């Protein structure tokens, strides 16, 4: 999840490459995901933490994930919880086109609810891994309105 190397496929995605490189931090995996509509119950069942830092060396930045929503699905949400079975710890991040956020996906339980009552098409997003540090902090500040 660190020291990413672009494959030839990136030539087809110059905007995504620019988005990743504009962060200015060491990046790892960058992927486009497709998710079919689902129910809230399925979302809760599929909540999980990631295992981003199993090989992170002591004294280096923690691997975090950045999200960029490609399709416009404002009635779908990234659901995050401190504890998987504790609804009171739940937060929902809406997913309109262009939504971007950073998630400590190893610490937080998370999954996306792509509301099947509202949508009949898949949704798409970019997930990129970055090494935390001052570059990510500067990028976050640069994105504030």
C-alpha atoms as a PDB file:
ATOM      1  CA  UNK A   1       0.000   0.000   0.000  1.00  0.00           C
ATOM      2  CA  UNK A   2       3.031   2.297  -0.402  1.00  0.00           C
ATOM      3  CA  UNK A   3       5.481   3.084  -3.205  1.00  0.00           C
ATOM      4  CA  UNK A   4       2.953   2.660  -6.015  1.00  0.00           C
ATOM      5  CA  UNK A   5       4.048   2.233  -9.607  1.00  0.00           C
ATOM      6  CA  UNK A   6       1.725   3.182 -12.453  1.00  0.00           C
ATOM      7  CA  UNK A   7       0.840   0.504 -14.983  1.00  0.00           C
ATOM      8  CA  UNK A   8       0.176   1.226 -18.656  1.00  0.00           C
ATOM      9  CA  UNK A   9      -3.542   1.457 -17.871  1.00  0.00           C
ATOM     10  CA  UNK A  10      -2.998   4.873 -16.291  1.00  0.00           C
ATOM     11  CA  UNK A  11      -2.611   6.353 -19.786  1.00  0.00           C
ATOM     12  CA  UNK A  12      -6.382   5.869 -20.102  1.00  0.00           C
ATOM     13  CA  UNK A  13      -7.023   7.768 -16.860  1.00  0.00           C
ATOM     14  CA  UNK A  14      -5.031  11.040 -16.859  1.00  0.00           C
ATOM     15  CA  UNK A  15      -7.524  12.803 -14.570  1.00  0.00           C
ATOM     16  CA  UNK A  16      -7.267  10.077 -11.932  1.00  0.00           C
ATOM     17  CA  UNK A  17      -3.463  10.112 -12.205  1.00  0.00           C
ATOM     18  CA  UNK A  18      -3.465  13.884 -11.686  1.00  0.00           C
ATOM     19  CA  UNK A  19      -5.817  13.583  -8.684  1.00  0.00           C
ATOM     20  CA  UNK A  20      -3.487  11.053  -7.025  1.00  0.00           C
ATOM     21  CA  UNK A  21      -0.300  12.964  -7.813  1.00  0.00           C
ATOM     22  CA  UNK A  22      -1.792  16.300  -6.675  1.00  0.00           C
ATOM     23  CA  UNK A  23      -1.940  14.909  -3.130  1.00  0.00           C
ATOM     24  CA  UNK A  24       1.861  14.953  -3.198  1.00  0.00           C
ATOM     25  CA  UNK A  25       2.231  12.003  -0.832  1.00  0.00           C
ATOM     26  CA  UNK A  26       3.674   8.548  -1.296  1.00  0.00           C
ATOM     27  CA  UNK A  27       0.860   6.444  -2.738  1.00  0.00           C
ATOM     28  CA  UNK A  28       0.246   2.740  -3.090  1.00  0.00           C
ATOM     29  CA  UNK A  29      -2.709   0.951  -4.638  1.00  0.00           C
ATOM     30  CA  UNK A  30      -5.053   3.011  -6.787  1.00  0.00           C
ATOM     31  CA  UNK A  31      -8.164   1.294  -8.030  1.00  0.00           C
ATOM     32  CA  UNK A  32     -11.536   1.993  -9.536  1.00  0.00           C
ATOM     33  CA  UNK A  33     -14.336   0.067  -7.879  1.00  0.00           C
ATOM     34  CA  UNK A  34     -17.781  -0.853  -9.128  1.00  0.00           C
ATOM     35  CA  UNK A  35     -20.530  -1.599  -6.633  1.00  0.00           C
ATOM     36  CA  UNK A  36     -24.019  -2.842  -7.380  1.00  0.00           C
ATOM     37  CA  UNK A  37     -27.006  -1.507  -5.422  1.00  0.00           C
ATOM     38  CA  UNK A  38     -27.489  -3.150  -2.025  1.00  0.00           C
ATOM     39  CA  UNK A  39     -29.611  -2.967   1.101  1.00  0.00           C
ATOM     40  CA  UNK A  40     -28.643  -1.343   4.379  1.00  0.00           C
ATOM     41  CA  UNK A  41     -28.726  -4.794   5.992  1.00  0.00           C
ATOM     42  CA  UNK A  42     -26.215  -6.095   3.431  1.00  0.00           C
ATOM     43  CA  UNK A  43     -24.038  -3.062   4.074  1.00  0.00           C
ATOM     44  CA  UNK A  44     -23.891  -3.726   7.822  1.00  0.00           C
ATOM     45  CA  UNK A  45     -23.159  -7.397   7.195  1.00  0.00           C
ATOM     46  CA  UNK A  46     -20.284  -6.432   4.868  1.00  0.00           C
ATOM     47  CA  UNK A  47     -18.672  -3.862   7.174  1.00  0.00           C
ATOM     48  CA  UNK A  48     -14.978  -4.507   7.643  1.00  0.00           C
ATOM     49  CA  UNK A  49     -11.707  -2.862   8.650  1.00  0.00           C
ATOM     50  CA  UNK A  50      -8.823  -2.985   6.170  1.00  0.00           C
ATOM     51  CA  UNK A  51      -5.367  -4.408   6.844  1.00  0.00           C
ATOM     52  CA  UNK A  52      -3.331  -1.577   5.311  1.00  0.00           C
ATOM     53  CA  UNK A  53      -0.452  -1.487   7.759  1.00  0.00           C
ATOM     54  CA  UNK A  54       0.572  -5.092   8.257  1.00  0.00           C
ATOM     55  CA  UNK A  55       4.038  -4.309   6.851  1.00  0.00           C
ATOM     56  CA  UNK A  56       4.294  -0.611   7.728  1.00  0.00           C
ATOM     57  CA  UNK A  57       7.722  -0.014   9.229  1.00  0.00           C
ATOM     58  CA  UNK A  58       8.000   1.613  12.649  1.00  0.00           C
ATOM     59  CA  UNK A  59       8.469   5.366  12.363  1.00  0.00           C
ATOM     60  CA  UNK A  60       6.904   5.671   8.911  1.00  0.00           C
ATOM     61  CA  UNK A  61       3.501   7.053   7.974  1.00  0.00           C
ATOM     62  CA  UNK A  62       0.298   5.096   8.509  1.00  0.00           C
ATOM     63  CA  UNK A  63      -1.466   3.953   5.326  1.00  0.00           C
ATOM     64  CA  UNK A  64      -4.819   5.677   4.911  1.00  0.00           C
ATOM     65  CA  UNK A  65      -7.346   5.551   2.099  1.00  0.00           C
ATOM     66  CA  UNK A  66      -8.666   8.420  -0.014  1.00  0.00           C
ATOM     67  CA  UNK A  67     -11.995   8.164  -1.756  1.00  0.00           C
ATOM     68  CA  UNK A  68     -13.187   9.959  -4.892  1.00  0.00           C
ATOM     69  CA  UNK A  69     -16.790   9.342  -5.959  1.00  0.00           C
ATOM     70  CA  UNK A  70     -17.107   9.189  -9.758  1.00  0.00           C
ATOM     71  CA  UNK A  71     -20.850   8.666 -10.181  1.00  0.00           C
ATOM     72  CA  UNK A  72     -23.580  10.830  -8.704  1.00  0.00           C
ATOM     73  CA  UNK A  73     -25.260   8.834  -5.942  1.00  0.00           C
ATOM     74  CA  UNK A  74     -26.177  11.341  -3.193  1.00  0.00           C
ATOM     75  CA  UNK A  75     -28.629   8.876  -1.614  1.00  0.00           C
ATOM     76  CA  UNK A  76     -25.865   6.314  -1.141  1.00  0.00           C
ATOM     77  CA  UNK A  77     -23.443   6.535   1.783  1.00  0.00           C
ATOM     78  CA  UNK A  78     -20.088   5.381   3.056  1.00  0.00           C
ATOM     79  CA  UNK A  79     -21.097   3.982   6.449  1.00  0.00           C
ATOM     80  CA  UNK A  80     -18.349   4.063   9.093  1.00  0.00           C
ATOM     81  CA  UNK A  81     -18.459   2.824  12.668  1.00  0.00           C
ATOM     82  CA  UNK A  82     -16.042   2.770  15.566  1.00  0.00           C
ATOM     83  CA  UNK A  83     -17.398  -0.672  16.486  1.00  0.00           C
ATOM     84  CA  UNK A  84     -19.084  -2.944  13.950  1.00  0.00           C
ATOM     85  CA  UNK A  85     -22.094  -3.787  16.122  1.00  0.00           C
ATOM     86  CA  UNK A  86     -22.517  -0.342  17.728  1.00  0.00           C
ATOM     87  CA  UNK A  87     -25.063   1.648  15.702  1.00  0.00           C
ATOM     88  CA  UNK A  88     -24.564   4.644  17.985  1.00  0.00           C
ATOM     89  CA  UNK A  89     -20.996   4.996  16.639  1.00  0.00           C
ATOM     90  CA  UNK A  90     -22.198   5.170  13.018  1.00  0.00           C
ATOM     91  CA  UNK A  91     -21.559   8.073  10.667  1.00  0.00           C
ATOM     92  CA  UNK A  92     -22.716   8.340   7.056  1.00  0.00           C
ATOM     93  CA  UNK A  93     -20.816  10.141   4.309  1.00  0.00           C
ATOM     94  CA  UNK A  94     -23.019  10.993   1.286  1.00  0.00           C
ATOM     95  CA  UNK A  95     -21.662  10.110  -2.151  1.00  0.00           C
ATOM     96  CA  UNK A  96     -22.526  12.778  -4.711  1.00  0.00           C
ATOM     97  CA  UNK A  97     -20.240  12.954  -7.758  1.00  0.00           C
ATOM     98  CA  UNK A  98     -16.891  14.455  -6.780  1.00  0.00           C
ATOM     99  CA  UNK A  99     -17.164  13.641  -3.060  1.00  0.00           C
ATOM    100  CA  UNK A 100     -13.710  13.023  -1.677  1.00  0.00           C
ATOM    101  CA  UNK A 101     -12.594  12.095   1.801  1.00  0.00           C
ATOM    102  CA  UNK A 102      -9.876  10.350   3.773  1.00  0.00           C
ATOM    103  CA  UNK A 103     -10.708   7.278   5.861  1.00  0.00           C
ATOM    104  CA  UNK A 104      -8.527   5.500   8.394  1.00  0.00           C
ATOM    105  CA  UNK A 105      -9.935   2.298   6.972  1.00  0.00           C
ATOM    106  CA  UNK A 106      -7.908   0.084   9.265  1.00  0.00           C
ATOM    107  CA  UNK A 107      -9.310   1.707  12.410  1.00  0.00           C
ATOM    108  CA  UNK A 108     -12.919   2.200  11.263  1.00  0.00           C
ATOM    109  CA  UNK A 109     -15.402  -0.453  10.203  1.00  0.00           C
ATOM    110  CA  UNK A 110     -16.773   0.623   6.839  1.00  0.00           C
ATOM    111  CA  UNK A 111     -18.858  -0.331   3.807  1.00  0.00           C
ATOM    112  CA  UNK A 112     -20.960   1.492   1.248  1.00  0.00           C
ATOM    113  CA  UNK A 113     -24.718   1.470   1.154  1.00  0.00           C
ATOM    114  CA  UNK A 114     -25.606   1.987  -2.519  1.00  0.00           C
ATOM    115  CA  UNK A 115     -29.319   2.346  -1.818  1.00  0.00           C
ATOM    116  CA  UNK A 116     -31.162  -0.312  -3.837  1.00  0.00           C
ATOM    117  CA  UNK A 117     -34.488   1.485  -3.365  1.00  0.00           C
ATOM    118  CA  UNK A 118     -33.115   4.525  -5.171  1.00  0.00           C
ATOM    119  CA  UNK A 119     -30.652   3.160  -7.730  1.00  0.00           C
ATOM    120  CA  UNK A 120     -30.756   0.381 -10.299  1.00  0.00           C
ATOM    121  CA  UNK A 121     -27.285   1.036 -11.752  1.00  0.00           C
ATOM    122  CA  UNK A 122     -23.822   0.370 -10.283  1.00  0.00           C
ATOM    123  CA  UNK A 123     -21.744   3.178  -8.839  1.00  0.00           C
ATOM    124  CA  UNK A 124     -18.048   3.858  -9.391  1.00  0.00           C
ATOM    125  CA  UNK A 125     -15.348   5.380  -7.227  1.00  0.00           C
ATOM    126  CA  UNK A 126     -11.566   5.630  -6.947  1.00  0.00           C
ATOM    127  CA  UNK A 127      -9.848   4.342  -3.824  1.00  0.00           C
ATOM    128  CA  UNK A 128      -6.209   5.295  -3.355  1.00  0.00           C
ATOM    129  CA  UNK A 129      -3.816   4.406  -0.545  1.00  0.00           C
ATOM    130  CA  UNK A 130      -1.535   7.156   0.757  1.00  0.00           C
ATOM    131  CA  UNK A 131       1.145   7.336   3.412  1.00  0.00           C
ATOM    132  CA  UNK A 132      -0.029   9.768   6.087  1.00  0.00           C
ATOM    133  CA  UNK A 133       2.109  12.796   6.779  1.00  0.00           C
ATOM    134  CA  UNK A 134       2.416  16.521   6.120  1.00  0.00           C
ATOM    135  CA  UNK A 135       1.750  16.141   2.384  1.00  0.00           C
ATOM    136  CA  UNK A 136      -1.677  14.602   3.033  1.00  0.00           C
ATOM    137  CA  UNK A 137      -2.427  17.264   5.655  1.00  0.00           C
ATOM    138  CA  UNK A 138      -1.527  20.028   3.163  1.00  0.00           C
ATOM    139  CA  UNK A 139      -3.717  18.425   0.505  1.00  0.00           C
ATOM    140  CA  UNK A 140      -6.674  18.175   2.910  1.00  0.00           C
ATOM    141  CA  UNK A 141      -6.298  21.863   3.783  1.00  0.00           C
ATOM    142  CA  UNK A 142      -6.102  22.776   0.094  1.00  0.00           C
ATOM    143  CA  UNK A 143      -9.462  21.077  -0.538  1.00  0.00           C
ATOM    144  CA  UNK A 144     -11.404  23.049   2.061  1.00  0.00           C
ATOM    145  CA  UNK A 145     -13.827  25.635   0.624  1.00  0.00           C
END
